[in-house]
């Protein structure tokens, strides 16, 4: 948490997923005030819920849709442009296609 608080820009947002061990809430509150930032907790579900989801996906033969386009880190701008372009939405696999 200390590293995130040090790195966040003024009025930025830190999303926390899961529990923090060894966190000192008093220090975190003071650092949050000095950075004028927001710390937001994100709930992603329990392990049991994840196992139930995986079982349902296996039972119903559900597979993720994966676009074959790959970008390097240096092409990050092009990757974001691709994601918002009509080309991205039309080149994906149909829901009946399998990997």
PDB file of N, CA and C in Angstrom:
ATOM      1  N   UNK A   1       0.824  -1.190   0.000  1.00  0.00           N
ATOM      2  CA  UNK A   1       0.000   0.000   0.000  1.00  0.00           C
ATOM      3  C   UNK A   1       0.867   1.251   0.000  1.00  0.00           C
ATOM      4  N   UNK A   2       1.961   1.226   0.758  1.00  0.00           N
ATOM      5  CA  UNK A   2       2.836   2.396   0.840  1.00  0.00           C
ATOM      6  C   UNK A   2       3.383   2.762  -0.538  1.00  0.00           C
ATOM      7  N   UNK A   3       3.733   1.757  -1.334  1.00  0.00           N
ATOM      8  CA  UNK A   3       4.258   2.008  -2.675  1.00  0.00           C
ATOM      9  C   UNK A   3       3.180   2.640  -3.557  1.00  0.00           C
ATOM     10  N   UNK A   4       1.954   2.153  -3.461  1.00  0.00           N
ATOM     11  CA  UNK A   4       0.854   2.720  -4.243  1.00  0.00           C
ATOM     12  C   UNK A   4       0.577   4.157  -3.829  1.00  0.00           C
ATOM     13  N   UNK A   5       0.593   4.423  -2.537  1.00  0.00           N
ATOM     14  CA  UNK A   5       0.352   5.779  -2.052  1.00  0.00           C
ATOM     15  C   UNK A   5       1.452   6.728  -2.502  1.00  0.00           C
ATOM     16  N   UNK A   6       2.663   6.244  -2.564  1.00  0.00           N
ATOM     17  CA  UNK A   6       3.774   7.078  -3.011  1.00  0.00           C
ATOM     18  C   UNK A   6       3.672   7.361  -4.516  1.00  0.00           C
ATOM     19  N   UNK A   7       3.159   6.400  -5.284  1.00  0.00           N
ATOM     20  CA  UNK A   7       3.122   6.518  -6.742  1.00  0.00           C
ATOM     21  C   UNK A   7       1.883   7.230  -7.279  1.00  0.00           C
ATOM     22  N   UNK A   8       0.797   7.255  -6.519  1.00  0.00           N
ATOM     23  CA  UNK A   8      -0.455   7.803  -7.044  1.00  0.00           C
ATOM     24  C   UNK A   8      -0.335   9.308  -7.266  1.00  0.00           C
ATOM     25  N   UNK A   9      -0.931   9.793  -8.354  1.00  0.00           N
ATOM     26  CA  UNK A   9      -0.913  11.228  -8.628  1.00  0.00           C
ATOM     27  C   UNK A   9      -1.943  11.928  -7.749  1.00  0.00           C
ATOM     28  N   UNK A  10      -1.842  13.215  -7.656  1.00  0.00           N
ATOM     29  CA  UNK A  10      -2.812  13.999  -6.896  1.00  0.00           C
ATOM     30  C   UNK A  10      -4.205  13.730  -7.455  1.00  0.00           C
ATOM     31  N   UNK A  11      -5.159  13.485  -6.583  1.00  0.00           N
ATOM     32  CA  UNK A  11      -6.542  13.179  -6.926  1.00  0.00           C
ATOM     33  C   UNK A  11      -6.686  11.872  -7.708  1.00  0.00           C
ATOM     34  N   UNK A  12      -5.685  10.983  -7.619  1.00  0.00           N
ATOM     35  CA  UNK A  12      -5.745   9.690  -8.285  1.00  0.00           C
ATOM     36  C   UNK A  12      -6.572   8.690  -7.484  1.00  0.00           C
ATOM     37  N   UNK A  13      -6.700   7.481  -8.032  1.00  0.00           N
ATOM     38  CA  UNK A  13      -7.483   6.421  -7.398  1.00  0.00           C
ATOM     39  C   UNK A  13      -6.620   5.175  -7.263  1.00  0.00           C
ATOM     40  N   UNK A  14      -6.647   4.576  -6.095  1.00  0.00           N
ATOM     41  CA  UNK A  14      -5.998   3.289  -5.851  1.00  0.00           C
ATOM     42  C   UNK A  14      -7.106   2.275  -5.616  1.00  0.00           C
ATOM     43  N   UNK A  15      -7.128   1.201  -6.388  1.00  0.00           N
ATOM     44  CA  UNK A  15      -8.110   0.125  -6.198  1.00  0.00           C
ATOM     45  C   UNK A  15      -7.429  -1.011  -5.457  1.00  0.00           C
ATOM     46  N   UNK A  16      -8.014  -1.413  -4.348  1.00  0.00           N
ATOM     47  CA  UNK A  16      -7.452  -2.471  -3.507  1.00  0.00           C
ATOM     48  C   UNK A  16      -8.282  -3.734  -3.692  1.00  0.00           C
ATOM     49  N   UNK A  17      -7.603  -4.806  -4.094  1.00  0.00           N
ATOM     50  CA  UNK A  17      -8.267  -6.090  -4.287  1.00  0.00           C
ATOM     51  C   UNK A  17      -7.720  -7.042  -3.239  1.00  0.00           C
ATOM     52  N   UNK A  18      -8.581  -7.559  -2.400  1.00  0.00           N
ATOM     53  CA  UNK A  18      -8.147  -8.493  -1.373  1.00  0.00           C
ATOM     54  C   UNK A  18      -7.760  -7.790  -0.088  1.00  0.00           C
ATOM     55  N   UNK A  19      -7.211  -8.568   0.834  1.00  0.00           N
ATOM     56  CA  UNK A  19      -6.843  -8.052   2.147  1.00  0.00           C
ATOM     57  C   UNK A  19      -5.366  -7.712   2.187  1.00  0.00           C
ATOM     58  N   UNK A  20      -5.043  -6.724   2.999  1.00  0.00           N
ATOM     59  CA  UNK A  20      -3.649  -6.319   3.154  1.00  0.00           C
ATOM     60  C   UNK A  20      -3.134  -6.793   4.496  1.00  0.00           C
ATOM     61  N   UNK A  21      -1.986  -7.425   4.487  1.00  0.00           N
ATOM     62  CA  UNK A  21      -1.392  -7.821   5.765  1.00  0.00           C
ATOM     63  C   UNK A  21      -0.356  -6.783   6.151  1.00  0.00           C
ATOM     64  N   UNK A  22      -0.325  -6.452   7.402  1.00  0.00           N
ATOM     65  CA  UNK A  22       0.659  -5.497   7.888  1.00  0.00           C
ATOM     66  C   UNK A  22       0.346  -4.050   7.562  1.00  0.00           C
ATOM     67  N   UNK A  23      -0.835  -3.767   7.054  1.00  0.00           N
ATOM     68  CA  UNK A  23      -1.190  -2.385   6.737  1.00  0.00           C
ATOM     69  C   UNK A  23      -1.463  -1.612   8.017  1.00  0.00           C
ATOM     70  N   UNK A  24      -1.051  -0.372   8.027  1.00  0.00           N
ATOM     71  CA  UNK A  24      -1.310   0.490   9.174  1.00  0.00           C
ATOM     72  C   UNK A  24      -2.334   1.536   8.730  1.00  0.00           C
ATOM     73  N   UNK A  25      -3.617   1.324   9.026  1.00  0.00           N
ATOM     74  CA  UNK A  25      -4.670   2.226   8.537  1.00  0.00           C
ATOM     75  C   UNK A  25      -4.442   3.686   8.900  1.00  0.00           C
ATOM     76  N   UNK A  26      -3.893   3.960  10.069  1.00  0.00           N
ATOM     77  CA  UNK A  26      -3.686   5.355  10.478  1.00  0.00           C
ATOM     78  C   UNK A  26      -2.729   6.062   9.519  1.00  0.00           C
ATOM     79  N   UNK A  27      -1.612   5.403   9.185  1.00  0.00           N
ATOM     80  CA  UNK A  27      -0.662   5.995   8.239  1.00  0.00           C
ATOM     81  C   UNK A  27      -1.289   6.146   6.853  1.00  0.00           C
ATOM     82  N   UNK A  28      -2.052   5.144   6.429  1.00  0.00           N
ATOM     83  CA  UNK A  28      -2.679   5.197   5.120  1.00  0.00           C
ATOM     84  C   UNK A  28      -3.657   6.361   5.011  1.00  0.00           C
ATOM     85  N   UNK A  29      -4.402   6.633   6.074  1.00  0.00           N
ATOM     86  CA  UNK A  29      -5.362   7.729   6.054  1.00  0.00           C
ATOM     87  C   UNK A  29      -4.633   9.063   5.915  1.00  0.00           C
ATOM     88  N   UNK A  30      -3.559   9.245   6.637  1.00  0.00           N
ATOM     89  CA  UNK A  30      -2.816  10.505   6.564  1.00  0.00           C
ATOM     90  C   UNK A  30      -2.195  10.695   5.180  1.00  0.00           C
ATOM     91  N   UNK A  31      -1.650   9.628   4.609  1.00  0.00           N
ATOM     92  CA  UNK A  31      -1.059   9.718   3.267  1.00  0.00           C
ATOM     93  C   UNK A  31      -2.141  10.002   2.232  1.00  0.00           C
ATOM     94  N   UNK A  32      -3.310   9.404   2.395  1.00  0.00           N
ATOM     95  CA  UNK A  32      -4.430   9.655   1.489  1.00  0.00           C
ATOM     96  C   UNK A  32      -4.816  11.132   1.513  1.00  0.00           C
ATOM     97  N   UNK A  33      -4.871  11.696   2.694  1.00  0.00           N
ATOM     98  CA  UNK A  33      -5.218  13.118   2.817  1.00  0.00           C
ATOM     99  C   UNK A  33      -4.171  14.005   2.159  1.00  0.00           C
ATOM    100  N   UNK A  34      -2.896  13.666   2.311  1.00  0.00           N
ATOM    101  CA  UNK A  34      -1.849  14.508   1.733  1.00  0.00           C
ATOM    102  C   UNK A  34      -1.800  14.388   0.212  1.00  0.00           C
ATOM    103  N   UNK A  35      -2.214  13.273  -0.335  1.00  0.00           N
ATOM    104  CA  UNK A  35      -2.234  13.071  -1.796  1.00  0.00           C
ATOM    105  C   UNK A  35      -3.575  13.442  -2.426  1.00  0.00           C
ATOM    106  N   UNK A  36      -4.571  13.707  -1.593  1.00  0.00           N
ATOM    107  CA  UNK A  36      -5.921  13.990  -2.097  1.00  0.00           C
ATOM    108  C   UNK A  36      -6.389  12.894  -3.045  1.00  0.00           C
ATOM    109  N   UNK A  37      -6.135  11.645  -2.649  1.00  0.00           N
ATOM    110  CA  UNK A  37      -6.500  10.526  -3.515  1.00  0.00           C
ATOM    111  C   UNK A  37      -7.619   9.702  -2.880  1.00  0.00           C
ATOM    112  N   UNK A  38      -8.160   8.787  -3.677  1.00  0.00           N
ATOM    113  CA  UNK A  38      -9.227   7.902  -3.239  1.00  0.00           C
ATOM    114  C   UNK A  38      -8.701   6.474  -3.202  1.00  0.00           C
ATOM    115  N   UNK A  39      -8.976   5.771  -2.122  1.00  0.00           N
ATOM    116  CA  UNK A  39      -8.669   4.343  -2.044  1.00  0.00           C
ATOM    117  C   UNK A  39      -9.998   3.607  -2.082  1.00  0.00           C
ATOM    118  N   UNK A  40     -10.148   2.734  -3.057  1.00  0.00           N
ATOM    119  CA  UNK A  40     -11.420   2.044  -3.292  1.00  0.00           C
ATOM    120  C   UNK A  40     -11.215   0.543  -3.169  1.00  0.00           C
ATOM    121  N   UNK A  41     -12.020  -0.092  -2.350  1.00  0.00           N
ATOM    122  CA  UNK A  41     -11.991  -1.545  -2.234  1.00  0.00           C
ATOM    123  C   UNK A  41     -12.766  -2.180  -3.376  1.00  0.00           C
ATOM    124  N   UNK A  42     -12.231  -3.264  -3.924  1.00  0.00           N
ATOM    125  CA  UNK A  42     -12.865  -3.976  -5.030  1.00  0.00           C
ATOM    126  C   UNK A  42     -13.127  -5.407  -4.584  1.00  0.00           C
ATOM    127  N   UNK A  43     -14.365  -5.844  -4.678  1.00  0.00           N
ATOM    128  CA  UNK A  43     -14.723  -7.211  -4.305  1.00  0.00           C
ATOM    129  C   UNK A  43     -14.780  -8.066  -5.559  1.00  0.00           C
ATOM    130  N   UNK A  44     -14.046  -9.155  -5.572  1.00  0.00           N
ATOM    131  CA  UNK A  44     -14.005 -10.023  -6.747  1.00  0.00           C
ATOM    132  C   UNK A  44     -14.650 -11.385  -6.509  1.00  0.00           C
ATOM    133  N   UNK A  45     -15.217 -11.599  -5.341  1.00  0.00           N
ATOM    134  CA  UNK A  45     -15.874 -12.867  -5.056  1.00  0.00           C
ATOM    135  C   UNK A  45     -14.969 -13.804  -4.278  1.00  0.00           C
ATOM    136  N   UNK A  46     -15.586 -14.864  -3.805  1.00  0.00           N
ATOM    137  CA  UNK A  46     -14.856 -15.834  -2.985  1.00  0.00           C
ATOM    138  C   UNK A  46     -14.285 -16.947  -3.856  1.00  0.00           C
ATOM    139  N   UNK A  47     -13.429 -17.735  -3.271  1.00  0.00           N
ATOM    140  CA  UNK A  47     -12.880 -18.899  -3.968  1.00  0.00           C
ATOM    141  C   UNK A  47     -14.008 -19.858  -4.356  1.00  0.00           C
ATOM    142  N   UNK A  48     -14.971 -20.030  -3.452  1.00  0.00           N
ATOM    143  CA  UNK A  48     -16.110 -20.910  -3.716  1.00  0.00           C
ATOM    144  C   UNK A  48     -16.888 -20.434  -4.945  1.00  0.00           C
ATOM    145  N   UNK A  49     -17.104 -19.130  -5.048  1.00  0.00           N
ATOM    146  CA  UNK A  49     -17.817 -18.592  -6.216  1.00  0.00           C
ATOM    147  C   UNK A  49     -17.024 -18.827  -7.504  1.00  0.00           C
ATOM    148  N   UNK A  50     -15.707 -18.683  -7.437  1.00  0.00           N
ATOM    149  CA  UNK A  50     -14.860 -18.926  -8.597  1.00  0.00           C
ATOM    150  C   UNK A  50     -14.940 -20.385  -9.025  1.00  0.00           C
ATOM    151  N   UNK A  51     -14.900 -21.289  -8.059  1.00  0.00           N
ATOM    152  CA  UNK A  51     -14.979 -22.716  -8.368  1.00  0.00           C
ATOM    153  C   UNK A  51     -16.337 -23.059  -8.982  1.00  0.00           C
ATOM    154  N   UNK A  52     -17.414 -22.446  -8.491  1.00  0.00           N
ATOM    155  CA  UNK A  52     -18.740 -22.671  -9.064  1.00  0.00           C
ATOM    156  C   UNK A  52     -18.812 -22.158 -10.500  1.00  0.00           C
ATOM    157  N   UNK A  53     -18.202 -20.997 -10.755  1.00  0.00           N
ATOM    158  CA  UNK A  53     -18.203 -20.444 -12.107  1.00  0.00           C
ATOM    159  C   UNK A  53     -17.429 -21.349 -13.072  1.00  0.00           C
ATOM    160  N   UNK A  54     -16.267 -21.812 -12.648  1.00  0.00           N
ATOM    161  CA  UNK A  54     -15.457 -22.689 -13.495  1.00  0.00           C
ATOM    162  C   UNK A  54     -16.210 -23.985 -13.781  1.00  0.00           C
ATOM    163  N   UNK A  55     -16.864 -24.549 -12.774  1.00  0.00           N
ATOM    164  CA  UNK A  55     -17.637 -25.778 -12.964  1.00  0.00           C
ATOM    165  C   UNK A  55     -18.771 -25.555 -13.967  1.00  0.00           C
ATOM    166  N   UNK A  56     -19.458 -24.433 -13.867  1.00  0.00           N
ATOM    167  CA  UNK A  56     -20.547 -24.121 -14.807  1.00  0.00           C
ATOM    168  C   UNK A  56     -20.006 -23.946 -16.221  1.00  0.00           C
ATOM    169  N   UNK A  57     -18.856 -23.299 -16.362  1.00  0.00           N
ATOM    170  CA  UNK A  57     -18.252 -23.119 -17.690  1.00  0.00           C
ATOM    171  C   UNK A  57     -17.879 -24.470 -18.292  1.00  0.00           C
ATOM    172  N   UNK A  58     -17.330 -25.361 -17.464  1.00  0.00           N
ATOM    173  CA  UNK A  58     -16.973 -26.689 -17.961  1.00  0.00           C
ATOM    174  C   UNK A  58     -18.218 -27.488 -18.320  1.00  0.00           C
ATOM    175  N   UNK A  59     -19.232 -27.445 -17.472  1.00  0.00           N
ATOM    176  CA  UNK A  59     -20.459 -28.201 -17.701  1.00  0.00           C
ATOM    177  C   UNK A  59     -21.159 -27.777 -18.993  1.00  0.00           C
ATOM    178  N   UNK A  60     -21.151 -26.467 -19.273  1.00  0.00           N
ATOM    179  CA  UNK A  60     -21.868 -25.947 -20.441  1.00  0.00           C
ATOM    180  C   UNK A  60     -20.948 -25.673 -21.626  1.00  0.00           C
ATOM    181  N   UNK A  61     -19.700 -26.142 -21.547  1.00  0.00           N
ATOM    182  CA  UNK A  61     -18.723 -26.015 -22.625  1.00  0.00           C
ATOM    183  C   UNK A  61     -18.571 -24.557 -23.081  1.00  0.00           C
ATOM    184  N   UNK A  62     -18.424 -23.667 -22.106  1.00  0.00           N
ATOM    185  CA  UNK A  62     -18.265 -22.241 -22.391  1.00  0.00           C
ATOM    186  C   UNK A  62     -16.779 -21.921 -22.473  1.00  0.00           C
ATOM    187  N   UNK A  63     -16.390 -21.208 -23.528  1.00  0.00           N
ATOM    188  CA  UNK A  63     -14.993 -20.832 -23.754  1.00  0.00           C
ATOM    189  C   UNK A  63     -14.896 -19.329 -23.971  1.00  0.00           C
ATOM    190  N   UNK A  64     -13.798 -18.717 -23.543  1.00  0.00           N
ATOM    191  CA  UNK A  64     -13.646 -17.271 -23.772  1.00  0.00           C
ATOM    192  C   UNK A  64     -13.436 -16.962 -25.241  1.00  0.00           C
ATOM    193  N   UNK A  65     -13.855 -15.781 -25.642  1.00  0.00           N
ATOM    194  CA  UNK A  65     -13.612 -15.302 -27.002  1.00  0.00           C
ATOM    195  C   UNK A  65     -12.285 -14.562 -26.968  1.00  0.00           C
ATOM    196  N   UNK A  66     -11.349 -15.002 -27.800  1.00  0.00           N
ATOM    197  CA  UNK A  66     -10.021 -14.412 -27.816  1.00  0.00           C
ATOM    198  C   UNK A  66      -9.723 -13.873 -29.203  1.00  0.00           C
ATOM    199  N   UNK A  67      -9.331 -12.611 -29.260  1.00  0.00           N
ATOM    200  CA  UNK A  67      -8.934 -11.985 -30.507  1.00  0.00           C
ATOM    201  C   UNK A  67      -7.479 -12.349 -30.755  1.00  0.00           C
ATOM    202  N   UNK A  68      -7.125 -12.699 -31.966  1.00  0.00           N
ATOM    203  CA  UNK A  68      -5.768 -13.116 -32.283  1.00  0.00           C
ATOM    204  C   UNK A  68      -4.763 -11.991 -32.412  1.00  0.00           C
ATOM    205  N   UNK A  69      -5.215 -10.741 -32.379  1.00  0.00           N
ATOM    206  CA  UNK A  69      -4.307  -9.605 -32.522  1.00  0.00           C
ATOM    207  C   UNK A  69      -3.447  -9.461 -31.269  1.00  0.00           C
ATOM    208  N   UNK A  70      -2.130  -9.312 -31.451  1.00  0.00           N
ATOM    209  CA  UNK A  70      -1.202  -9.163 -30.337  1.00  0.00           C
ATOM    210  C   UNK A  70      -0.392  -7.892 -30.543  1.00  0.00           C
ATOM    211  N   UNK A  71      -0.203  -7.121 -29.474  1.00  0.00           N
ATOM    212  CA  UNK A  71       0.565  -5.888 -29.533  1.00  0.00           C
ATOM    213  C   UNK A  71       1.717  -5.952 -28.537  1.00  0.00           C
ATOM    214  N   UNK A  72       2.815  -5.313 -28.866  1.00  0.00           N
ATOM    215  CA  UNK A  72       3.926  -5.181 -27.926  1.00  0.00           C
ATOM    216  C   UNK A  72       3.633  -3.992 -27.011  1.00  0.00           C
ATOM    217  N   UNK A  73       4.418  -3.860 -25.948  1.00  0.00           N
ATOM    218  CA  UNK A  73       4.244  -2.730 -25.047  1.00  0.00           C
ATOM    219  C   UNK A  73       4.467  -1.412 -25.781  1.00  0.00           C
ATOM    220  N   UNK A  74       5.408  -1.411 -26.695  1.00  0.00           N
ATOM    221  CA  UNK A  74       5.674  -0.193 -27.471  1.00  0.00           C
ATOM    222  C   UNK A  74       4.490   0.179 -28.362  1.00  0.00           C
ATOM    223  N   UNK A  75       3.607  -0.751 -28.635  1.00  0.00           N
ATOM    224  CA  UNK A  75       2.428  -0.508 -29.470  1.00  0.00           C
ATOM    225  C   UNK A  75       1.171  -0.276 -28.632  1.00  0.00           C
ATOM    226  N   UNK A  76       1.338   0.127 -27.376  1.00  0.00           N
ATOM    227  CA  UNK A  76       0.185   0.308 -26.477  1.00  0.00           C
ATOM    228  C   UNK A  76      -0.834   1.282 -27.053  1.00  0.00           C
ATOM    229  N   UNK A  77      -0.377   2.384 -27.632  1.00  0.00           N
ATOM    230  CA  UNK A  77      -1.303   3.364 -28.205  1.00  0.00           C
ATOM    231  C   UNK A  77      -2.128   2.718 -29.323  1.00  0.00           C
ATOM    232  N   UNK A  78      -1.471   1.970 -30.195  1.00  0.00           N
ATOM    233  CA  UNK A  78      -2.180   1.294 -31.279  1.00  0.00           C
ATOM    234  C   UNK A  78      -3.160   0.251 -30.738  1.00  0.00           C
ATOM    235  N   UNK A  79      -2.778  -0.415 -29.644  1.00  0.00           N
ATOM    236  CA  UNK A  79      -3.653  -1.425 -29.042  1.00  0.00           C
ATOM    237  C   UNK A  79      -4.939  -0.782 -28.531  1.00  0.00           C
ATOM    238  N   UNK A  80      -4.816   0.351 -27.849  1.00  0.00           N
ATOM    239  CA  UNK A  80      -6.018   1.045 -27.357  1.00  0.00           C
ATOM    240  C   UNK A  80      -6.869   1.538 -28.514  1.00  0.00           C
ATOM    241  N   UNK A  81      -6.228   2.051 -29.551  1.00  0.00           N
ATOM    242  CA  UNK A  81      -6.981   2.506 -30.729  1.00  0.00           C
ATOM    243  C   UNK A  81      -7.727   1.334 -31.368  1.00  0.00           C
ATOM    244  N   UNK A  82      -7.085   0.183 -31.420  1.00  0.00           N
ATOM    245  CA  UNK A  82      -7.712  -1.024 -31.975  1.00  0.00           C
ATOM    246  C   UNK A  82      -8.934  -1.440 -31.155  1.00  0.00           C
ATOM    247  N   UNK A  83      -8.806  -1.367 -29.819  1.00  0.00           N
ATOM    248  CA  UNK A  83      -9.908  -1.790 -28.951  1.00  0.00           C
ATOM    249  C   UNK A  83     -11.158  -0.933 -29.130  1.00  0.00           C
ATOM    250  N   UNK A  84     -11.012   0.330 -29.452  1.00  0.00           N
ATOM    251  CA  UNK A  84     -12.179   1.199 -29.619  1.00  0.00           C
ATOM    252  C   UNK A  84     -12.633   1.292 -31.064  1.00  0.00           C
ATOM    253  N   UNK A  85     -11.936   0.631 -31.956  1.00  0.00           N
ATOM    254  CA  UNK A  85     -12.292   0.697 -33.375  1.00  0.00           C
ATOM    255  C   UNK A  85     -13.372  -0.328 -33.720  1.00  0.00           C
ATOM    256  N   UNK A  86     -14.138  -0.056 -34.783  1.00  0.00           N
ATOM    257  CA  UNK A  86     -15.134  -1.040 -35.248  1.00  0.00           C
ATOM    258  C   UNK A  86     -14.477  -2.360 -35.659  1.00  0.00           C
ATOM    259  N   UNK A  87     -13.230  -2.307 -36.106  1.00  0.00           N
ATOM    260  CA  UNK A  87     -12.514  -3.517 -36.523  1.00  0.00           C
ATOM    261  C   UNK A  87     -12.412  -4.522 -35.385  1.00  0.00           C
ATOM    262  N   UNK A  88     -12.162  -4.044 -34.162  1.00  0.00           N
ATOM    263  CA  UNK A  88     -12.047  -4.920 -32.999  1.00  0.00           C
ATOM    264  C   UNK A  88     -13.364  -5.656 -32.743  1.00  0.00           C
ATOM    265  N   UNK A  89     -14.463  -4.951 -32.856  1.00  0.00           N
ATOM    266  CA  UNK A  89     -15.770  -5.550 -32.560  1.00  0.00           C
ATOM    267  C   UNK A  89     -16.234  -6.504 -33.659  1.00  0.00           C
ATOM    268  N   UNK A  90     -15.691  -6.381 -34.865  1.00  0.00           N
ATOM    269  CA  UNK A  90     -16.155  -7.245 -35.949  1.00  0.00           C
ATOM    270  C   UNK A  90     -15.227  -8.405 -36.239  1.00  0.00           C
ATOM    271  N   UNK A  91     -14.006  -8.397 -35.677  1.00  0.00           N
ATOM    272  CA  UNK A  91     -13.080  -9.492 -35.971  1.00  0.00           C
ATOM    273  C   UNK A  91     -13.095 -10.587 -34.916  1.00  0.00           C
ATOM    274  N   UNK A  92     -13.833 -10.381 -33.831  1.00  0.00           N
ATOM    275  CA  UNK A  92     -13.907 -11.382 -32.774  1.00  0.00           C
ATOM    276  C   UNK A  92     -14.591 -12.643 -33.255  1.00  0.00           C
ATOM    277  N   UNK A  93     -14.406 -13.723 -32.516  1.00  0.00           N
ATOM    278  CA  UNK A  93     -15.033 -14.989 -32.866  1.00  0.00           C
ATOM    279  C   UNK A  93     -16.510 -14.948 -32.516  1.00  0.00           C
ATOM    280  N   UNK A  94     -17.305 -15.669 -33.251  1.00  0.00           N
ATOM    281  CA  UNK A  94     -18.717 -15.799 -32.921  1.00  0.00           C
ATOM    282  C   UNK A  94     -18.864 -16.665 -31.683  1.00  0.00           C
ATOM    283  N   UNK A  95     -19.976 -16.515 -30.982  1.00  0.00           N
ATOM    284  CA  UNK A  95     -20.184 -17.269 -29.749  1.00  0.00           C
ATOM    285  C   UNK A  95     -20.255 -18.769 -30.002  1.00  0.00           C
ATOM    286  N   UNK A  96     -20.499 -19.179 -31.247  1.00  0.00           N
ATOM    287  CA  UNK A  96     -20.564 -20.615 -31.560  1.00  0.00           C
ATOM    288  C   UNK A  96     -19.188 -21.178 -31.909  1.00  0.00           C
ATOM    289  N   UNK A  97     -18.206 -20.299 -32.129  1.00  0.00           N
ATOM    290  CA  UNK A  97     -16.857 -20.755 -32.438  1.00  0.00           C
ATOM    291  C   UNK A  97     -16.183 -21.282 -31.182  1.00  0.00           C
ATOM    292  N   UNK A  98     -15.299 -22.223 -31.342  1.00  0.00           N
ATOM    293  CA  UNK A  98     -14.553 -22.786 -30.223  1.00  0.00           C
ATOM    294  C   UNK A  98     -13.072 -22.576 -30.446  1.00  0.00           C
ATOM    295  N   UNK A  99     -12.350 -22.454 -29.347  1.00  0.00           N
ATOM    296  CA  UNK A  99     -10.890 -22.287 -29.434  1.00  0.00           C
ATOM    297  C   UNK A  99     -10.213 -23.573 -29.798  1.00  0.00           C
TER     298      UNK A  99
END
